[in-house]
Amino acid sequence: MSLFFETIKVDKKRAFNLKYHHKRMQKTIFDNFSVKKSFDLNSLIMPPDDKFYRCKIIYDKKIKNIDFYRYTPRVIKSFKLVNSDINYNYKSTDRSKIDKLFMKKGNCDDIIIIKNDLVTDTSIANIAFFYEGRWITPATPLLKGTMREKLLNEKKIFLEKISIKELKFIKKLAIMNALIGFKIINNFKIEER
């Protein structure tokens, strides 16, 4: 049976973007088990203190486990382009295919996964590029991240199909996920395949 997880930012005992995590959990459960389910995430998330945590909720039709880990973000400045036909529509605990792709990063800090000549995501985050005066994010992500959804709703980023050929015109890049928010990476490097 498949298990899924949510990673939620918790700082000073406050859990962030719960409505987006809740919505994704509901969709995942319905799509995979044909069950309508709702959780009161606010009452379930009880951090041990007021430090910055990565809260990891593992679930299927019901909550299996909730853990808190101290969070230190990785420093990411360089990316290796990696081709794959991977599917990762749901935040599954089985990340073996992504981990296998990550092993191809060489001397880079992370990978950018290319599927059908289109940019998708990095191994840990959605991605955005500053292009023609606005931030664009791939219309074809591997996973619709909660921070990505929030920023799309707020009209701070916009969907575009981004081909591998267009990357050479990009001067600004950002990665985004529930824990790091929207992080602009200055002086980045993208290494060809």
N, C-alpha and C. Protein backbone atom coordinates (compact mmCIF):
# COMPACT_ATOMS: atom_id res chain seq x y z
N MET A 1 0.84 -1.19 0.00
CA MET A 1 0.00 0.00 0.00
C MET A 1 0.88 1.25 0.00
N SER A 2 0.49 2.23 -0.79
CA SER A 2 1.26 3.46 -0.89
C SER A 2 1.12 4.31 0.36
N LEU A 3 2.25 4.92 0.73
CA LEU A 3 2.25 5.91 1.80
C LEU A 3 2.67 7.25 1.21
N PHE A 4 2.13 8.31 1.77
CA PHE A 4 2.40 9.64 1.29
C PHE A 4 2.84 10.49 2.47
N PHE A 5 3.40 11.67 2.16
CA PHE A 5 3.82 12.53 3.26
C PHE A 5 3.67 14.00 2.90
N GLU A 6 3.55 14.80 3.92
CA GLU A 6 3.57 16.26 3.81
C GLU A 6 4.71 16.76 4.66
N THR A 7 5.40 17.75 4.17
CA THR A 7 6.45 18.41 4.93
C THR A 7 5.98 19.83 5.19
N ILE A 8 5.85 20.17 6.45
CA ILE A 8 5.25 21.44 6.84
C ILE A 8 6.24 22.25 7.66
N LYS A 9 6.36 23.52 7.33
CA LYS A 9 7.22 24.43 8.11
C LYS A 9 6.52 24.77 9.42
N VAL A 10 7.27 24.58 10.51
CA VAL A 10 6.77 24.96 11.83
C VAL A 10 7.84 25.82 12.50
N ASP A 11 7.47 27.03 12.88
CA ASP A 11 8.41 27.94 13.53
C ASP A 11 7.66 28.71 14.62
N LYS A 12 8.29 28.78 15.79
CA LYS A 12 7.67 29.43 16.94
C LYS A 12 6.28 28.85 17.20
N LYS A 13 6.21 27.51 17.07
CA LYS A 13 4.99 26.72 17.30
C LYS A 13 3.86 27.01 16.32
N ARG A 14 4.17 27.73 15.24
CA ARG A 14 3.16 28.03 14.21
C ARG A 14 3.43 27.19 12.98
N ALA A 15 2.39 26.52 12.47
CA ALA A 15 2.49 25.74 11.24
C ALA A 15 2.04 26.63 10.08
N PHE A 16 2.81 26.61 8.98
CA PHE A 16 2.58 27.51 7.86
C PHE A 16 1.84 26.82 6.70
N ASN A 17 1.03 27.62 6.01
CA ASN A 17 0.35 27.21 4.77
C ASN A 17 -0.49 25.94 4.91
N LEU A 18 -1.14 25.79 6.06
CA LEU A 18 -1.90 24.56 6.33
C LEU A 18 -3.02 24.33 5.32
N LYS A 19 -3.65 25.38 4.84
CA LYS A 19 -4.77 25.15 3.90
C LYS A 19 -4.28 24.50 2.61
N TYR A 20 -3.06 24.82 2.19
CA TYR A 20 -2.51 24.20 0.97
C TYR A 20 -2.09 22.76 1.21
N HIS A 21 -1.51 22.49 2.39
CA HIS A 21 -1.15 21.11 2.73
C HIS A 21 -2.42 20.26 2.87
N HIS A 22 -3.42 20.80 3.53
CA HIS A 22 -4.67 20.09 3.74
C HIS A 22 -5.32 19.75 2.39
N LYS A 23 -5.35 20.71 1.50
CA LYS A 23 -5.95 20.51 0.17
C LYS A 23 -5.22 19.41 -0.59
N ARG A 24 -3.88 19.42 -0.54
CA ARG A 24 -3.12 18.39 -1.25
C ARG A 24 -3.34 17.01 -0.63
N MET A 25 -3.39 16.96 0.70
CA MET A 25 -3.66 15.67 1.36
C MET A 25 -5.03 15.13 0.95
N GLN A 26 -6.04 15.98 0.95
CA GLN A 26 -7.38 15.54 0.57
C GLN A 26 -7.40 15.00 -0.86
N LYS A 27 -6.74 15.71 -1.78
CA LYS A 27 -6.70 15.27 -3.17
C LYS A 27 -5.95 13.95 -3.31
N THR A 28 -4.83 13.81 -2.61
CA THR A 28 -4.04 12.58 -2.66
C THR A 28 -4.86 11.39 -2.17
N ILE A 29 -5.54 11.56 -1.06
CA ILE A 29 -6.35 10.46 -0.50
C ILE A 29 -7.50 10.11 -1.44
N PHE A 30 -8.17 11.12 -1.96
CA PHE A 30 -9.29 10.84 -2.86
C PHE A 30 -8.80 10.16 -4.14
N ASP A 31 -7.73 10.69 -4.75
CA ASP A 31 -7.23 10.14 -6.01
C ASP A 31 -6.71 8.72 -5.86
N ASN A 32 -6.13 8.40 -4.71
CA ASN A 32 -5.50 7.08 -4.53
C ASN A 32 -6.38 6.06 -3.83
N PHE A 33 -7.36 6.51 -3.05
CA PHE A 33 -8.17 5.57 -2.27
C PHE A 33 -9.68 5.78 -2.47
N SER A 34 -10.05 6.76 -3.29
CA SER A 34 -11.47 7.10 -3.52
C SER A 34 -12.21 7.35 -2.21
N VAL A 35 -11.53 8.01 -1.30
CA VAL A 35 -12.09 8.32 0.02
C VAL A 35 -12.02 9.82 0.23
N LYS A 36 -13.10 10.41 0.72
CA LYS A 36 -13.08 11.82 1.11
C LYS A 36 -12.70 11.86 2.58
N LYS A 37 -11.65 12.59 2.88
CA LYS A 37 -11.13 12.62 4.24
C LYS A 37 -10.68 14.03 4.56
N SER A 38 -10.86 14.41 5.80
CA SER A 38 -10.41 15.72 6.25
C SER A 38 -9.70 15.58 7.59
N PHE A 39 -8.65 16.33 7.75
CA PHE A 39 -7.88 16.32 9.00
C PHE A 39 -7.83 17.73 9.57
N ASP A 40 -7.82 17.83 10.87
CA ASP A 40 -7.59 19.12 11.52
C ASP A 40 -6.09 19.20 11.80
N LEU A 41 -5.34 19.64 10.79
CA LEU A 41 -3.88 19.65 10.90
C LEU A 41 -3.41 20.54 12.05
N ASN A 42 -4.11 21.62 12.28
CA ASN A 42 -3.70 22.54 13.35
C ASN A 42 -3.66 21.85 14.70
N SER A 43 -4.63 20.98 14.96
CA SER A 43 -4.66 20.29 16.26
C SER A 43 -3.70 19.10 16.30
N LEU A 44 -3.32 18.59 15.14
CA LEU A 44 -2.41 17.44 15.09
C LEU A 44 -0.94 17.84 15.22
N ILE A 45 -0.61 19.06 14.82
CA ILE A 45 0.79 19.50 14.79
C ILE A 45 1.14 20.16 16.12
N MET A 46 1.87 19.42 16.95
CA MET A 46 2.25 19.91 18.27
C MET A 46 3.77 19.82 18.44
N PRO A 47 4.50 20.85 18.02
CA PRO A 47 5.97 20.81 18.09
C PRO A 47 6.45 20.80 19.54
N PRO A 48 7.64 20.24 19.77
CA PRO A 48 8.16 20.14 21.14
C PRO A 48 8.55 21.48 21.77
N ASP A 49 8.89 22.47 20.93
CA ASP A 49 9.27 23.80 21.44
C ASP A 49 9.07 24.81 20.33
N ASP A 50 9.60 26.02 20.51
CA ASP A 50 9.34 27.07 19.51
C ASP A 50 10.42 27.23 18.45
N LYS A 51 11.28 26.23 18.28
CA LYS A 51 12.34 26.28 17.26
C LYS A 51 11.77 26.01 15.87
N PHE A 52 12.62 26.17 14.86
CA PHE A 52 12.25 25.95 13.46
C PHE A 52 12.31 24.45 13.17
N TYR A 53 11.17 23.87 12.77
CA TYR A 53 11.12 22.44 12.51
C TYR A 53 10.57 22.14 11.12
N ARG A 54 10.97 20.99 10.64
CA ARG A 54 10.35 20.34 9.48
C ARG A 54 9.42 19.29 10.07
N CYS A 55 8.13 19.53 9.96
CA CYS A 55 7.15 18.56 10.44
C CYS A 55 6.83 17.62 9.29
N LYS A 56 6.99 16.33 9.52
CA LYS A 56 6.73 15.34 8.47
C LYS A 56 5.54 14.48 8.90
N ILE A 57 4.48 14.57 8.11
CA ILE A 57 3.28 13.78 8.37
C ILE A 57 3.22 12.66 7.33
N ILE A 58 3.22 11.42 7.79
CA ILE A 58 3.10 10.26 6.90
C ILE A 58 1.67 9.75 7.01
N TYR A 59 1.07 9.47 5.84
CA TYR A 59 -0.34 9.08 5.85
C TYR A 59 -0.69 8.20 4.65
N ASP A 60 -1.81 7.51 4.78
CA ASP A 60 -2.51 6.92 3.64
C ASP A 60 -3.95 7.39 3.78
N LYS A 61 -4.88 6.50 4.14
CA LYS A 61 -6.25 6.97 4.40
C LYS A 61 -6.35 7.64 5.76
N LYS A 62 -5.33 7.39 6.59
CA LYS A 62 -5.30 8.02 7.91
C LYS A 62 -3.86 8.41 8.25
N ILE A 63 -3.71 9.22 9.25
CA ILE A 63 -2.38 9.65 9.69
C ILE A 63 -1.65 8.47 10.31
N LYS A 64 -0.45 8.21 9.82
CA LYS A 64 0.36 7.10 10.34
C LYS A 64 1.40 7.58 11.35
N ASN A 65 1.96 8.77 11.07
CA ASN A 65 3.05 9.24 11.93
C ASN A 65 3.25 10.74 11.73
N ILE A 66 3.63 11.42 12.82
CA ILE A 66 4.00 12.83 12.75
C ILE A 66 5.30 13.00 13.51
N ASP A 67 6.32 13.49 12.82
CA ASP A 67 7.63 13.71 13.44
C ASP A 67 8.09 15.14 13.19
N PHE A 68 8.97 15.60 14.06
CA PHE A 68 9.55 16.94 13.95
C PHE A 68 11.07 16.83 13.88
N TYR A 69 11.66 17.49 12.91
CA TYR A 69 13.10 17.47 12.71
C TYR A 69 13.59 18.91 12.67
N ARG A 70 14.69 19.18 13.35
CA ARG A 70 15.32 20.50 13.24
C ARG A 70 15.71 20.69 11.79
N TYR A 71 15.52 21.88 11.27
CA TYR A 71 15.74 22.11 9.84
C TYR A 71 16.90 23.05 9.58
N THR A 72 17.81 22.60 8.73
CA THR A 72 18.89 23.42 8.23
C THR A 72 18.85 23.33 6.71
N PRO A 73 18.59 24.44 6.01
CA PRO A 73 18.51 24.37 4.55
C PRO A 73 19.85 24.05 3.90
N ARG A 74 19.78 23.31 2.79
CA ARG A 74 20.97 23.02 2.00
C ARG A 74 21.36 24.26 1.21
N VAL A 75 22.65 24.43 1.00
CA VAL A 75 23.14 25.51 0.13
C VAL A 75 23.15 24.96 -1.29
N ILE A 76 22.40 25.62 -2.17
CA ILE A 76 22.30 25.16 -3.56
C ILE A 76 22.66 26.33 -4.47
N LYS A 77 23.71 26.14 -5.26
CA LYS A 77 24.17 27.17 -6.20
C LYS A 77 24.32 26.63 -7.62
N SER A 78 24.41 25.30 -7.75
CA SER A 78 24.65 24.73 -9.07
C SER A 78 23.71 23.56 -9.33
N PHE A 79 23.32 23.42 -10.60
CA PHE A 79 22.34 22.42 -11.01
C PHE A 79 22.84 21.66 -12.22
N LYS A 80 22.58 20.38 -12.24
CA LYS A 80 22.87 19.53 -13.39
C LYS A 80 21.55 19.18 -14.06
N LEU A 81 21.45 19.37 -15.36
CA LEU A 81 20.25 18.98 -16.09
C LEU A 81 20.23 17.47 -16.26
N VAL A 82 19.10 16.84 -15.92
CA VAL A 82 18.97 15.39 -15.97
C VAL A 82 17.65 15.05 -16.68
N ASN A 83 17.73 14.23 -17.71
CA ASN A 83 16.53 13.79 -18.43
C ASN A 83 15.86 12.62 -17.72
N SER A 84 14.53 12.62 -17.72
CA SER A 84 13.79 11.50 -17.14
C SER A 84 12.34 11.54 -17.59
N ASP A 85 11.72 10.36 -17.63
CA ASP A 85 10.27 10.29 -17.90
C ASP A 85 9.52 9.99 -16.60
N ILE A 86 10.11 10.34 -15.48
CA ILE A 86 9.58 10.08 -14.15
C ILE A 86 8.18 10.67 -13.96
N ASN A 87 7.35 9.97 -13.20
CA ASN A 87 6.07 10.49 -12.73
C ASN A 87 6.13 10.57 -11.21
N TYR A 88 5.77 11.71 -10.68
CA TYR A 88 5.75 11.91 -9.22
C TYR A 88 4.63 12.92 -8.92
N ASN A 89 3.40 12.52 -9.24
CA ASN A 89 2.25 13.40 -9.08
C ASN A 89 1.83 13.60 -7.63
N TYR A 90 2.21 12.65 -6.79
CA TYR A 90 1.84 12.69 -5.37
C TYR A 90 3.11 12.62 -4.53
N LYS A 91 3.09 13.25 -3.38
CA LYS A 91 4.27 13.30 -2.51
C LYS A 91 4.39 11.96 -1.78
N SER A 92 4.93 10.98 -2.48
CA SER A 92 5.05 9.61 -1.99
C SER A 92 6.29 9.44 -1.13
N THR A 93 6.20 8.55 -0.16
CA THR A 93 7.38 8.24 0.65
C THR A 93 8.43 7.48 -0.17
N ASP A 94 8.01 6.90 -1.29
CA ASP A 94 8.96 6.21 -2.18
C ASP A 94 9.56 7.25 -3.14
N ARG A 95 10.72 7.75 -2.75
CA ARG A 95 11.43 8.74 -3.57
C ARG A 95 12.63 8.10 -4.29
N SER A 96 12.61 6.79 -4.44
CA SER A 96 13.77 6.08 -4.99
C SER A 96 14.12 6.56 -6.41
N LYS A 97 13.12 6.86 -7.23
CA LYS A 97 13.42 7.31 -8.60
C LYS A 97 14.07 8.70 -8.58
N ILE A 98 13.58 9.58 -7.71
CA ILE A 98 14.19 10.91 -7.58
C ILE A 98 15.60 10.78 -7.01
N ASP A 99 15.78 9.92 -6.02
CA ASP A 99 17.11 9.70 -5.43
C ASP A 99 18.10 9.18 -6.48
N LYS A 100 17.63 8.31 -7.35
CA LYS A 100 18.48 7.77 -8.42
C LYS A 100 18.91 8.88 -9.38
N LEU A 101 17.97 9.76 -9.71
CA LEU A 101 18.30 10.90 -10.58
C LEU A 101 19.28 11.84 -9.89
N PHE A 102 19.08 12.05 -8.59
CA PHE A 102 19.96 12.94 -7.82
C PHE A 102 21.41 12.45 -7.85
N MET A 103 21.60 11.15 -7.92
CA MET A 103 22.95 10.59 -7.98
C MET A 103 23.70 11.01 -9.24
N LYS A 104 23.00 11.55 -10.23
CA LYS A 104 23.63 11.99 -11.48
C LYS A 104 24.08 13.45 -11.42
N LYS A 105 24.03 14.06 -10.26
CA LYS A 105 24.33 15.49 -10.14
C LYS A 105 25.80 15.83 -10.34
N GLY A 106 26.67 14.84 -10.28
CA GLY A 106 28.10 15.09 -10.44
C GLY A 106 28.59 16.03 -9.35
N ASN A 107 29.29 17.10 -9.73
CA ASN A 107 29.81 18.07 -8.76
C ASN A 107 28.81 19.17 -8.43
N CYS A 108 27.63 19.11 -8.98
CA CYS A 108 26.62 20.13 -8.72
C CYS A 108 25.92 19.87 -7.39
N ASP A 109 25.21 20.88 -6.91
CA ASP A 109 24.50 20.77 -5.64
C ASP A 109 23.16 20.07 -5.77
N ASP A 110 22.53 20.19 -6.93
CA ASP A 110 21.21 19.60 -7.15
C ASP A 110 21.02 19.36 -8.64
N ILE A 111 19.85 18.86 -8.99
CA ILE A 111 19.53 18.59 -10.38
C ILE A 111 18.29 19.40 -10.79
N ILE A 112 18.16 19.62 -12.08
CA ILE A 112 16.91 20.11 -12.67
C ILE A 112 16.45 18.99 -13.59
N ILE A 113 15.26 18.48 -13.31
CA ILE A 113 14.74 17.33 -14.06
C ILE A 113 14.02 17.84 -15.32
N ILE A 114 14.45 17.28 -16.46
CA ILE A 114 13.89 17.63 -17.76
C ILE A 114 13.06 16.44 -18.24
N LYS A 115 11.82 16.72 -18.60
CA LYS A 115 10.92 15.66 -19.09
C LYS A 115 10.31 16.14 -20.40
N ASN A 116 10.49 15.36 -21.45
CA ASN A 116 9.99 15.72 -22.79
C ASN A 116 10.49 17.10 -23.21
N ASP A 117 11.78 17.37 -22.94
CA ASP A 117 12.45 18.64 -23.26
C ASP A 117 11.88 19.85 -22.52
N LEU A 118 11.10 19.61 -21.47
CA LEU A 118 10.55 20.69 -20.66
C LEU A 118 11.10 20.63 -19.24
N VAL A 119 11.33 21.79 -18.66
CA VAL A 119 11.80 21.90 -17.28
C VAL A 119 10.65 21.50 -16.35
N THR A 120 10.98 20.71 -15.31
CA THR A 120 9.98 20.33 -14.32
C THR A 120 10.35 20.92 -12.96
N ASP A 121 11.15 20.20 -12.17
CA ASP A 121 11.50 20.59 -10.80
C ASP A 121 12.95 20.24 -10.51
N THR A 122 13.40 20.63 -9.32
CA THR A 122 14.67 20.13 -8.79
C THR A 122 14.34 18.86 -7.99
N SER A 123 15.31 18.29 -7.32
CA SER A 123 15.05 17.08 -6.54
C SER A 123 14.24 17.37 -5.28
N ILE A 124 14.28 18.63 -4.79
CA ILE A 124 13.61 18.95 -3.53
C ILE A 124 12.65 20.13 -3.61
N ALA A 125 12.53 20.74 -4.77
CA ALA A 125 11.75 21.98 -4.82
C ALA A 125 11.22 22.24 -6.22
N ASN A 126 10.17 23.04 -6.27
CA ASN A 126 9.73 23.62 -7.53
C ASN A 126 10.72 24.72 -7.88
N ILE A 127 10.66 25.16 -9.12
CA ILE A 127 11.65 26.13 -9.59
C ILE A 127 10.94 27.28 -10.32
N ALA A 128 11.53 28.44 -10.31
CA ALA A 128 10.99 29.60 -11.03
C ALA A 128 12.15 30.37 -11.65
N PHE A 129 11.84 31.08 -12.73
CA PHE A 129 12.83 31.86 -13.44
C PHE A 129 12.27 33.26 -13.66
N PHE A 130 13.15 34.26 -13.54
CA PHE A 130 12.73 35.63 -13.82
C PHE A 130 12.94 35.88 -15.30
N TYR A 131 11.86 36.14 -16.01
CA TYR A 131 11.92 36.25 -17.47
C TYR A 131 10.93 37.33 -17.93
N GLU A 132 11.45 38.28 -18.69
CA GLU A 132 10.65 39.37 -19.24
C GLU A 132 9.83 40.08 -18.16
N GLY A 133 10.48 40.37 -17.04
CA GLY A 133 9.87 41.18 -15.99
C GLY A 133 8.96 40.48 -15.02
N ARG A 134 8.90 39.15 -15.06
CA ARG A 134 8.06 38.43 -14.09
C ARG A 134 8.64 37.06 -13.81
N TRP A 135 8.22 36.49 -12.69
CA TRP A 135 8.65 35.15 -12.31
C TRP A 135 7.73 34.11 -12.96
N ILE A 136 8.34 33.16 -13.68
CA ILE A 136 7.57 32.08 -14.30
C ILE A 136 8.00 30.75 -13.70
N THR A 137 7.07 29.83 -13.63
CA THR A 137 7.34 28.50 -13.11
C THR A 137 6.81 27.48 -14.11
N PRO A 138 7.44 26.31 -14.20
CA PRO A 138 6.99 25.34 -15.20
C PRO A 138 5.52 24.96 -15.05
N ALA A 139 4.81 24.96 -16.18
CA ALA A 139 3.43 24.49 -16.20
C ALA A 139 3.38 22.98 -16.09
N THR A 140 4.55 22.35 -16.20
CA THR A 140 4.66 20.88 -16.18
C THR A 140 5.55 20.41 -15.02
N PRO A 141 5.18 20.70 -13.76
CA PRO A 141 6.04 20.25 -12.66
C PRO A 141 5.87 18.76 -12.41
N LEU A 142 6.82 18.18 -11.70
CA LEU A 142 6.63 16.80 -11.26
C LEU A 142 5.58 16.76 -10.16
N LEU A 143 5.66 17.72 -9.26
CA LEU A 143 4.76 17.79 -8.11
C LEU A 143 4.28 19.22 -7.93
N LYS A 144 3.01 19.39 -7.73
CA LYS A 144 2.46 20.73 -7.47
C LYS A 144 2.67 21.05 -6.00
N GLY A 145 3.76 21.75 -5.72
CA GLY A 145 4.13 22.07 -4.35
C GLY A 145 3.18 23.08 -3.72
N THR A 146 3.12 23.05 -2.40
CA THR A 146 2.20 23.94 -1.68
C THR A 146 2.63 25.40 -1.77
N MET A 147 3.92 25.69 -1.71
CA MET A 147 4.39 27.07 -1.84
C MET A 147 4.13 27.57 -3.26
N ARG A 148 4.35 26.72 -4.24
CA ARG A 148 4.07 27.06 -5.64
C ARG A 148 2.60 27.42 -5.81
N GLU A 149 1.72 26.60 -5.24
CA GLU A 149 0.29 26.86 -5.35
C GLU A 149 -0.09 28.19 -4.70
N LYS A 150 0.49 28.46 -3.54
CA LYS A 150 0.22 29.71 -2.83
C LYS A 150 0.65 30.91 -3.67
N LEU A 151 1.86 30.85 -4.22
CA LEU A 151 2.38 31.97 -5.02
C LEU A 151 1.63 32.14 -6.34
N LEU A 152 1.16 31.04 -6.93
CA LEU A 152 0.32 31.14 -8.12
C LEU A 152 -1.00 31.84 -7.78
N ASN A 153 -1.62 31.46 -6.66
CA ASN A 153 -2.88 32.08 -6.24
C ASN A 153 -2.71 33.57 -5.95
N GLU A 154 -1.54 33.93 -5.42
CA GLU A 154 -1.25 35.33 -5.11
C GLU A 154 -0.78 36.12 -6.32
N LYS A 155 -0.66 35.44 -7.47
CA LYS A 155 -0.21 36.05 -8.73
C LYS A 155 1.20 36.64 -8.61
N LYS A 156 2.06 35.94 -7.84
CA LYS A 156 3.46 36.34 -7.72
C LYS A 156 4.34 35.56 -8.69
N ILE A 157 3.83 34.41 -9.14
CA ILE A 157 4.50 33.62 -10.18
C ILE A 157 3.43 33.22 -11.20
N PHE A 158 3.89 32.85 -12.41
CA PHE A 158 2.97 32.57 -13.50
C PHE A 158 3.42 31.31 -14.23
N LEU A 159 2.45 30.53 -14.70
CA LEU A 159 2.73 29.27 -15.39
C LEU A 159 3.19 29.51 -16.83
N GLU A 160 4.22 28.77 -17.21
CA GLU A 160 4.71 28.78 -18.60
C GLU A 160 5.31 27.41 -18.88
N LYS A 161 5.21 26.98 -20.12
CA LYS A 161 5.99 25.81 -20.54
C LYS A 161 7.39 26.33 -20.80
N ILE A 162 8.37 25.76 -20.10
CA ILE A 162 9.75 26.25 -20.21
C ILE A 162 10.60 25.15 -20.83
N SER A 163 11.06 25.39 -22.04
CA SER A 163 11.87 24.38 -22.73
C SER A 163 13.32 24.48 -22.27
N ILE A 164 14.02 23.42 -22.46
CA ILE A 164 15.43 23.36 -22.09
C ILE A 164 16.22 24.44 -22.85
N LYS A 165 15.80 24.75 -24.08
CA LYS A 165 16.49 25.75 -24.89
C LYS A 165 16.40 27.14 -24.28
N GLU A 166 15.32 27.42 -23.56
CA GLU A 166 15.10 28.75 -22.99
C GLU A 166 15.97 29.02 -21.76
N LEU A 167 16.55 27.99 -21.18
CA LEU A 167 17.35 28.18 -19.97
C LEU A 167 18.55 29.09 -20.18
N LYS A 168 19.08 29.12 -21.41
CA LYS A 168 20.26 29.96 -21.65
C LYS A 168 19.96 31.45 -21.55
N PHE A 169 18.67 31.83 -21.60
CA PHE A 169 18.28 33.23 -21.51
C PHE A 169 17.94 33.66 -20.08
N ILE A 170 18.00 32.74 -19.16
CA ILE A 170 17.60 33.00 -17.77
C ILE A 170 18.76 33.63 -16.99
N LYS A 171 18.47 34.73 -16.32
CA LYS A 171 19.48 35.42 -15.51
C LYS A 171 19.20 35.30 -14.01
N LYS A 172 17.94 35.05 -13.64
CA LYS A 172 17.57 34.89 -12.23
C LYS A 172 16.79 33.60 -12.06
N LEU A 173 17.07 32.90 -10.96
CA LEU A 173 16.45 31.62 -10.68
C LEU A 173 16.04 31.60 -9.21
N ALA A 174 14.94 30.91 -8.91
CA ALA A 174 14.53 30.72 -7.51
C ALA A 174 14.01 29.31 -7.34
N ILE A 175 14.20 28.77 -6.15
CA ILE A 175 13.58 27.50 -5.81
C ILE A 175 12.56 27.77 -4.71
N MET A 176 11.55 26.91 -4.64
CA MET A 176 10.51 27.14 -3.64
C MET A 176 9.96 25.81 -3.13
N ASN A 177 9.78 25.76 -1.84
CA ASN A 177 9.06 24.65 -1.22
C ASN A 177 8.52 25.12 0.13
N ALA A 178 7.85 24.24 0.82
CA ALA A 178 7.18 24.62 2.08
C ALA A 178 8.16 25.14 3.12
N LEU A 179 9.37 24.64 3.12
CA LEU A 179 10.33 25.01 4.17
C LEU A 179 11.14 26.25 3.85
N ILE A 180 11.57 26.39 2.62
CA ILE A 180 12.44 27.53 2.28
C ILE A 180 11.67 28.72 1.74
N GLY A 181 10.37 28.54 1.48
CA GLY A 181 9.60 29.63 0.89
C GLY A 181 10.03 29.83 -0.55
N PHE A 182 10.24 31.06 -0.95
CA PHE A 182 10.69 31.41 -2.30
C PHE A 182 12.10 31.95 -2.17
N LYS A 183 13.08 31.15 -2.55
CA LYS A 183 14.49 31.52 -2.33
C LYS A 183 15.16 31.81 -3.66
N ILE A 184 15.53 33.08 -3.83
CA ILE A 184 16.25 33.49 -5.04
C ILE A 184 17.71 33.08 -4.89
N ILE A 185 18.24 32.43 -5.92
CA ILE A 185 19.63 31.98 -5.90
C ILE A 185 20.43 32.88 -6.84
N ASN A 186 21.32 33.64 -6.25
CA ASN A 186 22.20 34.50 -7.03
C ASN A 186 23.43 33.73 -7.46
N ASN A 187 24.01 34.09 -8.57
CA ASN A 187 25.24 33.46 -9.07
C ASN A 187 25.10 31.95 -9.20
N PHE A 188 24.01 31.51 -9.80
CA PHE A 188 23.79 30.07 -10.00
C PHE A 188 24.49 29.61 -11.27
N LYS A 189 24.66 28.29 -11.35
CA LYS A 189 25.26 27.68 -12.53
C LYS A 189 24.39 26.49 -12.93
N ILE A 190 24.10 26.37 -14.22
CA ILE A 190 23.37 25.23 -14.75
C ILE A 190 24.29 24.49 -15.69
N GLU A 191 24.52 23.22 -15.39
CA GLU A 191 25.44 22.40 -16.19
C GLU A 191 24.61 21.53 -17.14
N GLU A 192 25.02 21.52 -18.38
CA GLU A 192 24.32 20.70 -19.38
C GLU A 192 24.46 19.21 -19.06
N ARG A 193 23.63 18.43 -19.73
CA ARG A 193 23.64 16.98 -19.53
C ARG A 193 24.91 16.37 -20.06
